[in-house]
Amino acid sequence: MNIQISKEAAAWYIEELGLTNGDYVRFFARYGGCSNVQSGFSLGIESEEPINLAVKKEVDGITFYIEEKDEWYFDEHDLVIELPDGSDEPVIDYKKQSTPEV
C-alpha cells in the first residue's frame, strides 16, 4: 500500500487545514458512508501526529500517512489523491496494487 498525492492536492490540504511545515494529515477508516473498497465505511481525514505508521508520503513539509490499524480499509489498494484542473477539491481514488514480478 502506498499514498500517491499530487503537489496540487497537497497544497489544497495545506490551505484548507491551515497546515504548516512539520504537520501531519492522517487518512483513516471511518464508519458510515461509502467507498470503492469497503462497504459501510468511508475515508476520514484529520490533522494529528502518528502513533504507528503503516505508510507515509511527505509533500512540501507535510506528512500524509495511514496508521497500521487502518490498513485493512485499503484492501491492498494504493490511495491516490489528485486535484484535477478546475476542481474545487481533491479527488480520491483507490488503485489495486500490482503484484511484483519474481
Protein backbone atom coordinates (compact mmCIF):
# COMPACT_ATOMS: atom_id res chain seq x y z
CA MET A 1 0.00 0.00 0.00
CA ASN A 2 1.22 3.46 -0.90
CA ILE A 3 -0.03 7.02 -0.80
CA GLN A 4 0.21 8.96 -4.03
CA ILE A 5 -0.72 12.63 -3.63
CA SER A 6 -0.15 15.33 -6.21
CA LYS A 7 1.53 18.60 -5.22
CA GLU A 8 -1.71 20.39 -6.11
CA ALA A 9 -3.80 18.17 -3.83
CA ALA A 10 -1.25 18.56 -1.02
CA ALA A 11 -1.41 22.35 -1.42
CA TRP A 12 -5.21 22.17 -1.14
CA TYR A 13 -4.97 20.28 2.18
CA ILE A 14 -2.30 22.69 3.44
CA GLU A 15 -4.55 25.67 2.74
CA GLU A 16 -7.84 24.10 3.89
CA LEU A 17 -6.45 22.71 7.15
CA GLY A 18 -4.12 25.64 7.88
CA LEU A 19 -1.08 23.35 7.97
CA THR A 20 2.50 24.44 8.48
CA ASN A 21 5.84 22.75 7.91
CA GLY A 22 6.12 19.60 10.04
CA ASP A 23 2.37 18.99 10.38
CA TYR A 24 0.63 15.67 9.69
CA VAL A 25 -2.50 14.55 7.86
CA ARG A 26 -3.95 11.16 8.74
CA PHE A 27 -6.23 9.16 6.43
CA PHE A 28 -8.32 6.62 8.32
CA ALA A 29 -11.29 4.26 8.12
CA ARG A 30 -14.48 5.97 9.26
CA TYR A 31 -17.70 4.08 9.96
CA GLY A 32 -20.52 5.17 7.67
CA GLY A 33 -20.67 6.48 4.16
CA CYS A 34 -19.40 4.54 1.20
CA SER A 35 -16.22 3.88 -0.71
CA ASN A 36 -14.98 1.77 -3.58
CA VAL A 37 -13.04 -0.53 -1.23
CA GLN A 38 -15.18 -1.10 1.90
CA SER A 39 -18.96 -1.14 2.11
CA GLY A 40 -20.31 0.85 5.06
CA PHE A 41 -17.07 2.80 5.60
CA SER A 42 -15.54 5.93 4.13
CA LEU A 43 -12.23 7.75 4.27
CA GLY A 44 -11.72 10.10 7.19
CA ILE A 45 -9.13 12.87 7.32
CA GLU A 46 -7.67 14.64 10.34
CA SER A 47 -4.56 16.53 11.32
CA GLU A 48 -2.76 14.67 14.11
CA GLU A 49 0.61 13.13 14.87
CA PRO A 50 1.12 9.44 14.04
CA ILE A 51 1.32 6.63 16.57
CA ASN A 52 2.05 3.51 14.45
CA LEU A 53 2.73 4.47 10.85
CA ALA A 54 1.95 1.94 8.15
CA VAL A 55 2.76 4.18 5.20
CA LYS A 56 3.59 7.85 4.67
CA LYS A 57 4.26 10.37 1.95
CA GLU A 58 5.86 13.74 2.58
CA VAL A 59 4.98 16.66 0.32
CA ASP A 60 6.08 20.26 0.93
CA GLY A 61 6.97 19.58 4.57
CA ILE A 62 3.65 17.88 5.41
CA THR A 63 3.49 14.15 6.20
CA PHE A 64 0.40 12.39 4.84
CA TYR A 65 0.01 8.98 6.44
CA ILE A 66 -2.05 5.90 7.29
CA GLU A 67 -1.83 4.11 10.64
CA GLU A 68 -1.28 0.34 10.88
CA LYS A 69 -4.73 -0.09 12.45
CA ASP A 70 -6.36 1.33 9.29
CA GLU A 71 -4.50 -0.76 6.70
CA TRP A 72 -7.43 -3.21 6.41
CA TYR A 73 -9.64 -0.48 4.95
CA PHE A 74 -7.49 -0.12 1.84
CA ASP A 75 -7.74 -3.84 0.98
CA GLU A 76 -4.42 -3.97 -0.93
CA HIS A 77 -5.11 -0.72 -2.78
CA ASP A 78 -2.95 2.38 -3.06
CA LEU A 79 -4.54 5.68 -2.02
CA VAL A 80 -4.35 8.14 -4.93
CA ILE A 81 -5.25 11.80 -4.37
CA GLU A 82 -5.22 14.39 -7.14
CA LEU A 83 -6.64 17.86 -7.72
CA PRO A 84 -7.79 17.97 -11.35
CA ASP A 85 -7.65 21.30 -13.21
CA GLY A 86 -10.75 23.34 -12.43
CA SER A 87 -11.74 21.20 -9.44
CA ASP A 88 -12.60 22.76 -6.08
CA GLU A 89 -11.46 19.79 -4.02
CA PRO A 90 -9.24 16.71 -4.30
CA VAL A 91 -10.41 13.54 -6.00
CA ILE A 92 -9.69 10.36 -4.06
CA ASP A 93 -9.21 7.05 -5.83
CA TYR A 94 -8.07 3.57 -4.86
CA LYS A 95 -5.78 1.68 -7.24
CA LYS A 96 -5.30 -2.07 -6.86
CA GLN A 97 -1.67 -2.81 -6.05
CA SER A 98 0.15 -4.65 -8.77
CA THR A 99 1.78 -7.95 -7.93
CA PRO A 100 5.60 -7.63 -8.03
CA GLU A 101 7.35 -9.74 -10.62
CA VAL A 102 9.50 -12.56 -9.29
